Amino acid sequence: MEFIAPIIVAIILIYAVARWISISRRNKKAMLEELDAEPEEPIATGAVVLEKQAGGFYSGSTKTARYNMACNVKFLTDDGRTIVYEVSQEKFAEIYEGQKGILVTVGKNFIDFGE
């Protein structure tokens, strides 16, 4: 009976180490596949700014609180899709509702909008 507890602890430790190795290998493989993937090409499409929204939130603790601003712009593309992208504060200030221009994206990431 005295030797059962150490055996159970050893089994749990072996399982935990094996699980950690398995997860680490899976994560490493996913990262390597992502690096090997062909980079996506930028896509430029005509679009109109439908709506702008800015909102903020505090993050951190009471001693290290930071205010984070999220600037979102809703676009209507020439092919009829409505898409919302988070943009920088500088770009948010430049864009106005109803503006027509060229929307440049890579994958699901906003790159630029303008004439």
N, C-alpha and C. Protein backbone atom coordinates (compact mmCIF):
# COMPACT_ATOMS: atom_id res chain seq x y z
N MET A 1 0.81 -1.19 0.00
CA MET A 1 0.00 0.00 0.00
C MET A 1 0.85 1.26 0.00
N GLU A 2 1.98 1.23 0.66
CA GLU A 2 2.83 2.41 0.78
C GLU A 2 3.43 2.79 -0.57
N PHE A 3 3.64 1.84 -1.43
CA PHE A 3 4.31 2.13 -2.70
C PHE A 3 3.32 2.51 -3.81
N ILE A 4 2.01 2.48 -3.57
CA ILE A 4 1.02 2.81 -4.59
C ILE A 4 1.01 4.32 -4.88
N ALA A 5 1.09 5.14 -3.85
CA ALA A 5 1.07 6.60 -4.05
C ALA A 5 2.24 7.06 -4.92
N PRO A 6 3.48 6.64 -4.67
CA PRO A 6 4.57 7.07 -5.56
C PRO A 6 4.40 6.58 -6.99
N ILE A 7 3.82 5.41 -7.17
CA ILE A 7 3.60 4.89 -8.52
C ILE A 7 2.55 5.75 -9.25
N ILE A 8 1.50 6.11 -8.55
CA ILE A 8 0.46 6.96 -9.15
C ILE A 8 1.05 8.32 -9.52
N VAL A 9 1.85 8.90 -8.63
CA VAL A 9 2.49 10.18 -8.90
C VAL A 9 3.41 10.06 -10.12
N ALA A 10 4.17 8.97 -10.21
CA ALA A 10 5.07 8.77 -11.35
C ALA A 10 4.28 8.64 -12.65
N ILE A 11 3.18 7.92 -12.61
CA ILE A 11 2.35 7.76 -13.81
C ILE A 11 1.79 9.11 -14.26
N ILE A 12 1.32 9.91 -13.32
CA ILE A 12 0.78 11.23 -13.64
C ILE A 12 1.87 12.12 -14.23
N LEU A 13 3.06 12.10 -13.67
CA LEU A 13 4.17 12.90 -14.19
C LEU A 13 4.56 12.46 -15.60
N ILE A 14 4.63 11.17 -15.82
CA ILE A 14 4.98 10.66 -17.16
C ILE A 14 3.91 11.08 -18.17
N TYR A 15 2.65 10.99 -17.79
CA TYR A 15 1.57 11.41 -18.68
C TYR A 15 1.68 12.91 -18.98
N ALA A 16 1.92 13.71 -17.95
CA ALA A 16 2.02 15.17 -18.14
C ALA A 16 3.17 15.53 -19.08
N VAL A 17 4.32 14.90 -18.91
CA VAL A 17 5.47 15.18 -19.76
C VAL A 17 5.18 14.74 -21.20
N ALA A 18 4.58 13.57 -21.38
CA ALA A 18 4.25 13.09 -22.72
C ALA A 18 3.24 14.02 -23.39
N ARG A 19 2.28 14.48 -22.67
CA ARG A 19 1.27 15.41 -23.20
C ARG A 19 1.91 16.74 -23.60
N TRP A 20 2.80 17.25 -22.76
CA TRP A 20 3.50 18.51 -23.04
C TRP A 20 4.34 18.38 -24.31
N ILE A 21 5.04 17.27 -24.46
CA ILE A 21 5.86 17.05 -25.67
C ILE A 21 4.96 16.99 -26.90
N SER A 22 3.84 16.31 -26.80
CA SER A 22 2.92 16.19 -27.93
C SER A 22 2.39 17.57 -28.35
N ILE A 23 1.98 18.36 -27.40
CA ILE A 23 1.46 19.71 -27.69
C ILE A 23 2.57 20.58 -28.27
N SER A 24 3.77 20.50 -27.72
CA SER A 24 4.89 21.30 -28.22
C SER A 24 5.20 20.95 -29.67
N ARG A 25 5.20 19.68 -30.00
CA ARG A 25 5.47 19.25 -31.38
C ARG A 25 4.39 19.75 -32.32
N ARG A 26 3.14 19.66 -31.89
CA ARG A 26 2.03 20.12 -32.72
C ARG A 26 2.13 21.62 -32.98
N ASN A 27 2.43 22.39 -31.93
CA ASN A 27 2.57 23.84 -32.08
C ASN A 27 3.74 24.18 -32.99
N LYS A 28 4.85 23.49 -32.84
CA LYS A 28 6.03 23.74 -33.66
C LYS A 28 5.71 23.42 -35.12
N LYS A 29 5.02 22.31 -35.36
CA LYS A 29 4.67 21.92 -36.72
C LYS A 29 3.75 22.97 -37.34
N ALA A 30 2.78 23.46 -36.59
CA ALA A 30 1.86 24.48 -37.11
C ALA A 30 2.61 25.77 -37.44
N MET A 31 3.55 26.16 -36.59
CA MET A 31 4.34 27.37 -36.86
C MET A 31 5.20 27.21 -38.10
N LEU A 32 5.81 26.05 -38.27
CA LEU A 32 6.63 25.80 -39.44
C LEU A 32 5.80 25.79 -40.72
N GLU A 33 4.61 25.20 -40.66
CA GLU A 33 3.73 25.20 -41.82
C GLU A 33 3.31 26.63 -42.18
N GLU A 34 3.07 27.44 -41.17
CA GLU A 34 2.69 28.83 -41.41
C GLU A 34 3.84 29.59 -42.07
N LEU A 35 5.06 29.33 -41.64
CA LEU A 35 6.22 30.00 -42.23
C LEU A 35 6.46 29.54 -43.67
N ASP A 36 6.16 28.26 -43.95
CA ASP A 36 6.36 27.72 -45.29
C ASP A 36 5.26 28.13 -46.26
N ALA A 37 4.14 28.58 -45.73
CA ALA A 37 3.01 28.93 -46.60
C ALA A 37 3.37 30.12 -47.48
N GLU A 38 2.83 30.10 -48.67
CA GLU A 38 3.05 31.21 -49.59
C GLU A 38 2.40 32.47 -49.02
N PRO A 39 3.11 33.59 -49.06
CA PRO A 39 2.50 34.83 -48.57
C PRO A 39 1.34 35.24 -49.47
N GLU A 40 0.30 35.75 -48.86
CA GLU A 40 -0.86 36.17 -49.63
C GLU A 40 -0.56 37.48 -50.33
N GLU A 41 -1.12 37.63 -51.50
CA GLU A 41 -0.94 38.85 -52.28
C GLU A 41 -1.94 39.91 -51.79
N PRO A 42 -1.54 41.18 -51.81
CA PRO A 42 -2.48 42.24 -51.47
C PRO A 42 -3.62 42.29 -52.49
N ILE A 43 -4.81 42.55 -52.02
CA ILE A 43 -5.98 42.66 -52.89
C ILE A 43 -6.50 44.09 -52.79
N ALA A 44 -6.66 44.72 -53.94
CA ALA A 44 -7.20 46.08 -54.00
C ALA A 44 -8.58 46.03 -54.63
N THR A 45 -9.55 46.64 -53.96
CA THR A 45 -10.91 46.66 -54.47
C THR A 45 -11.54 48.01 -54.16
N GLY A 46 -12.44 48.43 -54.99
CA GLY A 46 -13.15 49.67 -54.73
C GLY A 46 -14.08 49.50 -53.55
N ALA A 47 -14.22 50.56 -52.76
CA ALA A 47 -15.07 50.46 -51.58
C ALA A 47 -15.56 51.84 -51.17
N VAL A 48 -16.62 51.85 -50.35
CA VAL A 48 -17.19 53.06 -49.79
C VAL A 48 -17.23 52.89 -48.28
N VAL A 49 -16.89 53.94 -47.54
CA VAL A 49 -16.94 53.89 -46.08
C VAL A 49 -18.40 54.07 -45.65
N LEU A 50 -18.92 53.07 -44.97
CA LEU A 50 -20.30 53.13 -44.49
C LEU A 50 -20.39 53.74 -43.09
N GLU A 51 -19.47 53.36 -42.22
CA GLU A 51 -19.58 53.76 -40.82
C GLU A 51 -18.22 53.71 -40.15
N LYS A 52 -18.02 54.64 -39.22
CA LYS A 52 -16.81 54.65 -38.39
C LYS A 52 -17.22 54.53 -36.93
N GLN A 53 -16.49 53.72 -36.19
CA GLN A 53 -16.75 53.57 -34.75
C GLN A 53 -15.44 53.53 -34.01
N ALA A 54 -15.37 54.32 -32.94
CA ALA A 54 -14.19 54.30 -32.08
C ALA A 54 -14.65 54.02 -30.67
N GLY A 55 -13.94 53.16 -30.00
CA GLY A 55 -14.26 52.82 -28.62
C GLY A 55 -12.99 52.48 -27.89
N GLY A 56 -13.02 52.65 -26.61
CA GLY A 56 -11.82 52.36 -25.85
C GLY A 56 -12.11 51.51 -24.64
N PHE A 57 -11.05 50.98 -24.09
CA PHE A 57 -11.17 50.19 -22.88
C PHE A 57 -9.86 50.24 -22.13
N TYR A 58 -9.95 50.05 -20.84
CA TYR A 58 -8.76 50.01 -20.00
C TYR A 58 -8.32 48.57 -19.84
N SER A 59 -7.01 48.37 -19.82
CA SER A 59 -6.48 47.04 -19.56
C SER A 59 -5.35 47.16 -18.55
N GLY A 60 -5.02 46.06 -17.95
CA GLY A 60 -3.96 46.04 -16.94
C GLY A 60 -4.55 46.08 -15.54
N SER A 61 -3.70 46.39 -14.60
CA SER A 61 -4.15 46.45 -13.20
C SER A 61 -4.35 47.91 -12.81
N THR A 62 -4.71 48.14 -11.57
CA THR A 62 -4.92 49.51 -11.12
C THR A 62 -3.62 50.31 -11.12
N LYS A 63 -2.50 49.63 -10.98
CA LYS A 63 -1.21 50.32 -10.98
C LYS A 63 -0.67 50.54 -12.38
N THR A 64 -1.03 49.66 -13.32
CA THR A 64 -0.48 49.76 -14.68
C THR A 64 -1.60 49.83 -15.72
N ALA A 65 -2.66 50.57 -15.42
CA ALA A 65 -3.79 50.66 -16.34
C ALA A 65 -3.37 51.39 -17.62
N ARG A 66 -3.82 50.85 -18.74
CA ARG A 66 -3.57 51.48 -20.04
C ARG A 66 -4.90 51.63 -20.75
N TYR A 67 -5.06 52.74 -21.44
CA TYR A 67 -6.26 52.96 -22.24
C TYR A 67 -5.96 52.53 -23.66
N ASN A 68 -6.75 51.63 -24.18
CA ASN A 68 -6.58 51.14 -25.54
C ASN A 68 -7.75 51.62 -26.39
N MET A 69 -7.43 52.18 -27.54
CA MET A 69 -8.47 52.69 -28.44
C MET A 69 -8.61 51.75 -29.63
N ALA A 70 -9.83 51.36 -29.93
CA ALA A 70 -10.11 50.52 -31.09
C ALA A 70 -10.88 51.35 -32.10
N CYS A 71 -10.34 51.48 -33.29
CA CYS A 71 -10.97 52.26 -34.36
C CYS A 71 -11.40 51.31 -35.46
N ASN A 72 -12.70 51.18 -35.66
CA ASN A 72 -13.24 50.26 -36.65
C ASN A 72 -13.95 51.03 -37.75
N VAL A 73 -13.76 50.57 -38.98
CA VAL A 73 -14.40 51.19 -40.14
C VAL A 73 -15.13 50.10 -40.91
N LYS A 74 -16.40 50.38 -41.25
CA LYS A 74 -17.21 49.44 -42.04
C LYS A 74 -17.19 49.90 -43.49
N PHE A 75 -16.81 48.99 -44.38
CA PHE A 75 -16.72 49.27 -45.81
C PHE A 75 -17.76 48.47 -46.57
N LEU A 76 -18.26 49.04 -47.68
CA LEU A 76 -19.08 48.33 -48.64
C LEU A 76 -18.24 48.23 -49.90
N THR A 77 -17.88 47.00 -50.28
CA THR A 77 -17.01 46.81 -51.45
C THR A 77 -17.83 46.82 -52.74
N ASP A 78 -17.14 46.98 -53.85
CA ASP A 78 -17.80 47.01 -55.16
C ASP A 78 -18.57 45.73 -55.46
N ASP A 79 -18.14 44.61 -54.88
CA ASP A 79 -18.86 43.35 -55.13
C ASP A 79 -20.00 43.11 -54.13
N GLY A 80 -20.33 44.12 -53.32
CA GLY A 80 -21.50 44.05 -52.43
C GLY A 80 -21.25 43.51 -51.03
N ARG A 81 -20.00 43.20 -50.70
CA ARG A 81 -19.70 42.70 -49.37
C ARG A 81 -19.56 43.85 -48.38
N THR A 82 -20.00 43.63 -47.15
CA THR A 82 -19.81 44.59 -46.06
C THR A 82 -18.76 44.00 -45.14
N ILE A 83 -17.67 44.77 -44.92
CA ILE A 83 -16.55 44.28 -44.14
C ILE A 83 -16.16 45.33 -43.12
N VAL A 84 -15.82 44.89 -41.91
CA VAL A 84 -15.34 45.80 -40.87
C VAL A 84 -13.88 45.49 -40.59
N TYR A 85 -13.04 46.54 -40.59
CA TYR A 85 -11.63 46.39 -40.29
C TYR A 85 -11.25 47.33 -39.17
N GLU A 86 -10.32 46.88 -38.32
CA GLU A 86 -9.73 47.77 -37.33
C GLU A 86 -8.59 48.51 -38.02
N VAL A 87 -8.56 49.83 -37.86
CA VAL A 87 -7.55 50.65 -38.51
C VAL A 87 -6.80 51.45 -37.45
N SER A 88 -5.66 52.01 -37.85
CA SER A 88 -4.88 52.84 -36.92
C SER A 88 -5.64 54.14 -36.63
N GLN A 89 -5.29 54.79 -35.55
CA GLN A 89 -5.94 56.06 -35.20
C GLN A 89 -5.67 57.12 -36.27
N GLU A 90 -4.48 57.09 -36.86
CA GLU A 90 -4.14 58.06 -37.90
C GLU A 90 -5.03 57.86 -39.13
N LYS A 91 -5.16 56.62 -39.57
CA LYS A 91 -6.00 56.32 -40.74
C LYS A 91 -7.46 56.61 -40.42
N PHE A 92 -7.89 56.33 -39.19
CA PHE A 92 -9.26 56.60 -38.77
C PHE A 92 -9.58 58.08 -38.90
N ALA A 93 -8.62 58.94 -38.54
CA ALA A 93 -8.82 60.39 -38.63
C ALA A 93 -8.90 60.86 -40.08
N GLU A 94 -8.21 60.17 -40.99
CA GLU A 94 -8.19 60.55 -42.41
C GLU A 94 -9.48 60.15 -43.14
N ILE A 95 -10.06 59.04 -42.74
CA ILE A 95 -11.22 58.48 -43.45
C ILE A 95 -12.49 59.16 -42.97
N TYR A 96 -13.42 59.41 -43.91
CA TYR A 96 -14.71 59.97 -43.54
C TYR A 96 -15.83 59.11 -44.14
N GLU A 97 -16.99 59.15 -43.48
CA GLU A 97 -18.13 58.35 -43.94
C GLU A 97 -18.57 58.83 -45.31
N GLY A 98 -18.84 57.89 -46.19
CA GLY A 98 -19.25 58.20 -47.56
C GLY A 98 -18.07 58.30 -48.52
N GLN A 99 -16.86 58.24 -48.00
CA GLN A 99 -15.67 58.34 -48.85
C GLN A 99 -15.56 57.12 -49.75
N LYS A 100 -15.24 57.37 -51.02
CA LYS A 100 -15.00 56.29 -51.98
C LYS A 100 -13.50 56.21 -52.23
N GLY A 101 -13.01 54.99 -52.37
CA GLY A 101 -11.59 54.81 -52.61
C GLY A 101 -11.24 53.36 -52.87
N ILE A 102 -9.95 53.09 -52.81
CA ILE A 102 -9.43 51.75 -53.02
C ILE A 102 -9.07 51.15 -51.67
N LEU A 103 -9.67 50.01 -51.36
CA LEU A 103 -9.40 49.28 -50.12
C LEU A 103 -8.36 48.21 -50.42
N VAL A 104 -7.25 48.25 -49.69
CA VAL A 104 -6.18 47.27 -49.88
C VAL A 104 -6.11 46.38 -48.64
N THR A 105 -6.20 45.06 -48.87
CA THR A 105 -6.15 44.10 -47.77
C THR A 105 -5.22 42.96 -48.13
N VAL A 106 -4.72 42.28 -47.10
CA VAL A 106 -3.98 41.04 -47.27
C VAL A 106 -4.62 40.04 -46.34
N GLY A 107 -5.25 39.03 -46.93
CA GLY A 107 -5.98 38.07 -46.11
C GLY A 107 -7.12 38.79 -45.41
N LYS A 108 -7.13 38.74 -44.09
CA LYS A 108 -8.15 39.42 -43.31
C LYS A 108 -7.64 40.69 -42.66
N ASN A 109 -6.48 41.17 -43.12
CA ASN A 109 -5.85 42.34 -42.52
C ASN A 109 -6.00 43.57 -43.38
N PHE A 110 -6.38 44.68 -42.77
CA PHE A 110 -6.46 45.98 -43.44
C PHE A 110 -5.05 46.50 -43.68
N ILE A 111 -4.80 47.00 -44.89
CA ILE A 111 -3.51 47.59 -45.21
C ILE A 111 -3.65 49.08 -45.44
N ASP A 112 -4.59 49.50 -46.32
CA ASP A 112 -4.72 50.92 -46.64
C ASP A 112 -6.07 51.19 -47.30
N PHE A 113 -6.47 52.46 -47.27
CA PHE A 113 -7.66 52.91 -47.98
C PHE A 113 -7.41 54.34 -48.41
N GLY A 114 -7.74 54.62 -49.65
CA GLY A 114 -7.57 55.98 -50.13
C GLY A 114 -7.88 56.09 -51.61
N GLU A 115 -7.57 57.24 -52.14
CA GLU A 115 -7.84 57.55 -53.56
C GLU A 115 -6.92 56.78 -54.46
